[in-house]
């Protein structure tokens, strides 16, 4: 399957641990890599935040404090542009229930 277009609930809960984590791109990217690895992402996401994702996240923070959906749009755009896929269905979002 393709990389999910919507922010997976599992990852949203990881990003939403505390106010300090919300503003930390490095931690959010680490959680993204963990999620992708857990769900069989190929090829593996890079350990370092790709420049296009980091720039998009920093722009979002300049415009508003945090917006998980916009953050995920940047991750999804990067994944699509670089041929990433998930081999296992990610956990459902509340919208799926």
Protein backbone atom coordinates (compact mmCIF):
# COMPACT_ATOMS: atom_id res chain seq x y z
CA UNK A 1 0.00 0.00 0.00
CA UNK A 2 1.05 3.59 -0.39
CA UNK A 3 2.17 5.77 2.48
CA UNK A 4 -0.98 6.90 4.37
CA UNK A 5 -2.45 10.20 3.29
CA UNK A 6 -3.90 10.93 6.73
CA UNK A 7 -1.95 11.16 9.95
CA UNK A 8 -2.26 7.73 11.58
CA UNK A 9 -3.85 7.75 15.02
CA UNK A 10 -0.91 5.87 16.55
CA UNK A 11 1.49 8.54 15.39
CA UNK A 12 -0.81 11.41 16.37
CA UNK A 13 -0.87 10.08 19.94
CA UNK A 14 2.93 9.89 19.95
CA UNK A 15 3.26 13.47 18.69
CA UNK A 16 0.71 14.70 21.26
CA UNK A 17 2.61 13.69 24.41
CA UNK A 18 3.44 17.18 25.68
CA UNK A 19 3.78 20.79 24.61
CA UNK A 20 7.56 20.42 24.56
CA UNK A 21 7.37 17.52 22.11
CA UNK A 22 5.00 19.35 19.79
CA UNK A 23 7.65 21.94 19.05
CA UNK A 24 10.49 19.45 18.63
CA UNK A 25 10.88 18.45 14.99
CA UNK A 26 13.67 16.00 15.82
CA UNK A 27 11.47 14.02 18.23
CA UNK A 28 8.51 14.09 15.85
CA UNK A 29 10.68 12.81 13.00
CA UNK A 30 12.10 10.06 15.24
CA UNK A 31 8.52 8.96 16.01
CA UNK A 32 7.71 9.05 12.29
CA UNK A 33 10.69 6.81 11.49
CA UNK A 34 9.64 4.42 14.28
CA UNK A 35 6.08 4.28 12.92
CA UNK A 36 7.26 3.70 9.36
CA UNK A 37 9.70 0.96 10.43
CA UNK A 38 6.99 -0.75 12.51
CA UNK A 39 4.70 -0.84 9.47
CA UNK A 40 7.26 -2.14 6.98
CA UNK A 41 8.09 1.09 5.16
CA UNK A 42 10.37 0.54 2.20
CA UNK A 43 12.88 1.86 1.66
CA UNK A 44 13.61 2.82 5.30
CA UNK A 45 13.10 6.50 6.08
CA UNK A 46 16.33 8.41 6.73
CA UNK A 47 17.32 8.88 10.37
CA UNK A 48 17.85 12.60 9.82
CA UNK A 49 14.91 14.85 8.93
CA UNK A 50 14.91 15.42 5.17
CA UNK A 51 15.37 19.09 4.32
CA UNK A 52 12.02 19.43 2.56
CA UNK A 53 10.16 18.05 5.61
CA UNK A 54 12.10 20.18 8.07
CA UNK A 55 11.55 23.33 6.02
CA UNK A 56 7.82 22.63 5.74
CA UNK A 57 7.51 21.94 9.49
CA UNK A 58 9.41 25.12 10.36
CA UNK A 59 7.17 27.13 8.03
CA UNK A 60 4.09 25.68 9.76
CA UNK A 61 5.50 26.68 13.15
CA UNK A 62 6.10 30.22 11.88
CA UNK A 63 2.48 30.46 10.76
CA UNK A 64 0.80 28.67 13.69
CA UNK A 65 1.88 26.84 16.83
CA UNK A 66 1.19 23.31 15.67
CA UNK A 67 -1.02 21.60 13.12
CA UNK A 68 -0.63 17.83 13.03
CA UNK A 69 -2.50 17.43 9.76
CA UNK A 70 -0.29 19.96 7.98
CA UNK A 71 2.82 18.33 9.47
CA UNK A 72 1.69 14.96 8.12
CA UNK A 73 0.94 16.46 4.70
CA UNK A 74 4.62 17.40 4.49
CA UNK A 75 5.68 13.86 5.45
CA UNK A 76 3.23 12.33 2.97
CA UNK A 77 4.42 14.62 0.16
CA UNK A 78 8.02 13.61 0.86
CA UNK A 79 7.11 9.91 0.94
CA UNK A 80 5.15 10.10 -2.31
CA UNK A 81 7.86 12.08 -4.09
CA UNK A 82 10.52 9.59 -3.06
CA UNK A 83 8.70 6.30 -3.69
CA UNK A 84 8.09 5.18 -0.11
CA UNK A 85 5.46 2.53 0.60
CA UNK A 86 4.09 0.76 3.66
CA UNK A 87 3.68 -3.02 3.45
CA UNK A 88 1.29 -3.30 6.42
CA UNK A 89 -1.99 -1.44 6.97
CA UNK A 90 -1.39 1.24 9.63
CA UNK A 91 -3.59 1.51 12.71
CA UNK A 92 -6.97 3.08 11.97
CA UNK A 93 -7.69 6.71 12.68
CA UNK A 94 -10.82 7.74 14.62
CA UNK A 95 -12.30 8.68 11.21
CA UNK A 96 -12.19 4.98 10.29
CA UNK A 97 -14.35 3.89 13.25
